[in-house]
Protein backbone atom coordinates (compact mmCIF):
# COMPACT_ATOMS: atom_id res chain seq x y z
CA MET A 1 18.83 -13.03 -9.01
CA ALA A 2 17.28 -10.05 -8.97
CA LYS A 3 15.18 -9.53 -5.78
CA LYS A 4 11.89 -8.33 -5.53
CA LYS A 5 10.67 -5.71 -3.82
CA LEU A 6 8.99 -5.50 -0.87
CA GLU A 7 5.34 -4.75 -1.93
CA ASN A 8 5.83 -7.74 -4.15
CA LEU A 9 6.25 -10.50 -1.46
CA SER A 10 3.66 -12.35 0.18
CA PHE A 11 3.88 -12.17 3.62
CA GLU A 12 5.19 -15.57 3.74
CA GLU A 13 7.91 -14.18 0.70
CA SER A 14 9.08 -11.36 3.50
CA LEU A 15 9.26 -13.98 6.72
CA THR A 16 11.10 -16.15 4.87
CA GLU A 17 13.45 -14.16 3.66
CA LEU A 18 14.03 -12.30 6.64
CA ASP A 19 14.82 -15.44 8.17
CA GLN A 20 17.44 -16.31 6.16
CA ILE A 21 18.83 -12.17 6.78
CA VAL A 22 18.98 -12.94 10.40
CA GLN A 23 21.00 -16.38 9.83
CA ASN A 24 23.38 -14.98 7.75
CA LEU A 25 23.98 -11.92 10.01
CA GLU A 26 23.98 -14.16 12.70
CA GLN A 27 27.44 -15.88 11.20
CA GLY A 28 29.18 -12.91 11.22
CA GLU A 29 31.32 -13.73 7.91
CA LEU A 30 29.43 -10.35 5.69
CA SER A 31 31.42 -7.14 5.41
CA LEU A 32 29.83 -4.51 7.18
CA GLU A 33 29.26 -2.70 3.36
CA GLU A 34 27.47 -5.91 3.41
CA SER A 35 25.56 -6.56 6.88
CA MET A 36 24.20 -2.56 6.18
CA ALA A 37 22.73 -3.62 3.23
CA LEU A 38 21.19 -6.98 4.81
CA PHE A 39 20.28 -5.04 7.89
CA GLU A 40 18.77 -2.56 5.54
CA ARG A 41 16.58 -5.09 3.97
CA GLY A 42 15.59 -6.66 6.76
CA LEU A 43 13.92 -3.59 8.15
CA GLY A 44 12.32 -3.13 5.52
CA LEU A 45 10.63 -6.15 5.28
CA SER A 46 9.64 -6.12 8.80
CA LYS A 47 8.20 -3.13 8.93
CA VAL A 48 6.15 -4.44 5.70
CA SER A 49 5.39 -8.35 7.12
CA GLN A 50 3.59 -5.26 9.80
CA GLU A 51 1.72 -3.82 7.70
CA LYS A 52 0.21 -6.66 6.03
CA LEU A 53 -1.24 -8.96 9.05
CA GLN A 54 -2.09 -5.68 10.74
CA ALA A 55 -4.31 -5.45 7.80
CA ALA A 56 -5.39 -8.63 7.79
CA GLU A 57 -6.00 -8.56 11.10
CA GLN A 58 -8.04 -5.79 10.93
CA LYS A 59 -10.20 -7.32 8.29
CA VAL A 60 -10.75 -10.93 10.49
CA GLN A 61 -12.70 -7.60 13.12
CA ILE A 62 -14.47 -6.14 10.15
CA LEU A 63 -16.24 -10.07 9.37
CA LEU A 64 -16.32 -10.70 13.70
CA ASP A 65 -17.90 -6.46 14.53
CA ASN A 66 -20.52 -7.87 11.07
CA ASN A 67 -20.86 -11.23 12.43
CA GLY A 68 -19.36 -13.08 10.05
CA GLN A 69 -21.57 -11.63 6.88
CA ALA A 70 -19.54 -11.53 3.59
CA GLN A 71 -20.02 -8.14 3.56
CA LEU A 72 -16.84 -6.08 4.14
CA SER A 73 -16.04 -2.35 5.13
CA THR A 74 -13.40 0.25 3.53
CA PHE A 75 -10.44 0.76 5.52
CA LYS A 76 -6.94 2.33 5.03
CA THR A 77 -3.44 0.94 5.03
CA SER A 78 -0.72 2.70 4.91
CA GLU A 79 -0.25 1.29 1.01
CA SER A 80 -3.06 2.94 -0.09
CA GLU A 81 -2.62 6.93 2.02
């Protein structure tokens, strides 16, 4: 099964896949090339997950700053730049 592109994964999917990668690497049964490929994917998953978490935190902060009003302000993420 083909892996989804990092930007198409939900936050939860990213964490689940990252957990699986850590388990695979900890078992130590992979070749160096497989380990490096998984490590690289894991770094990407970590970065994307952190960006999504920061965006969610920023949205919450904007809502709190607006006293819970339904109006959101526009903000930039690394994906929209």
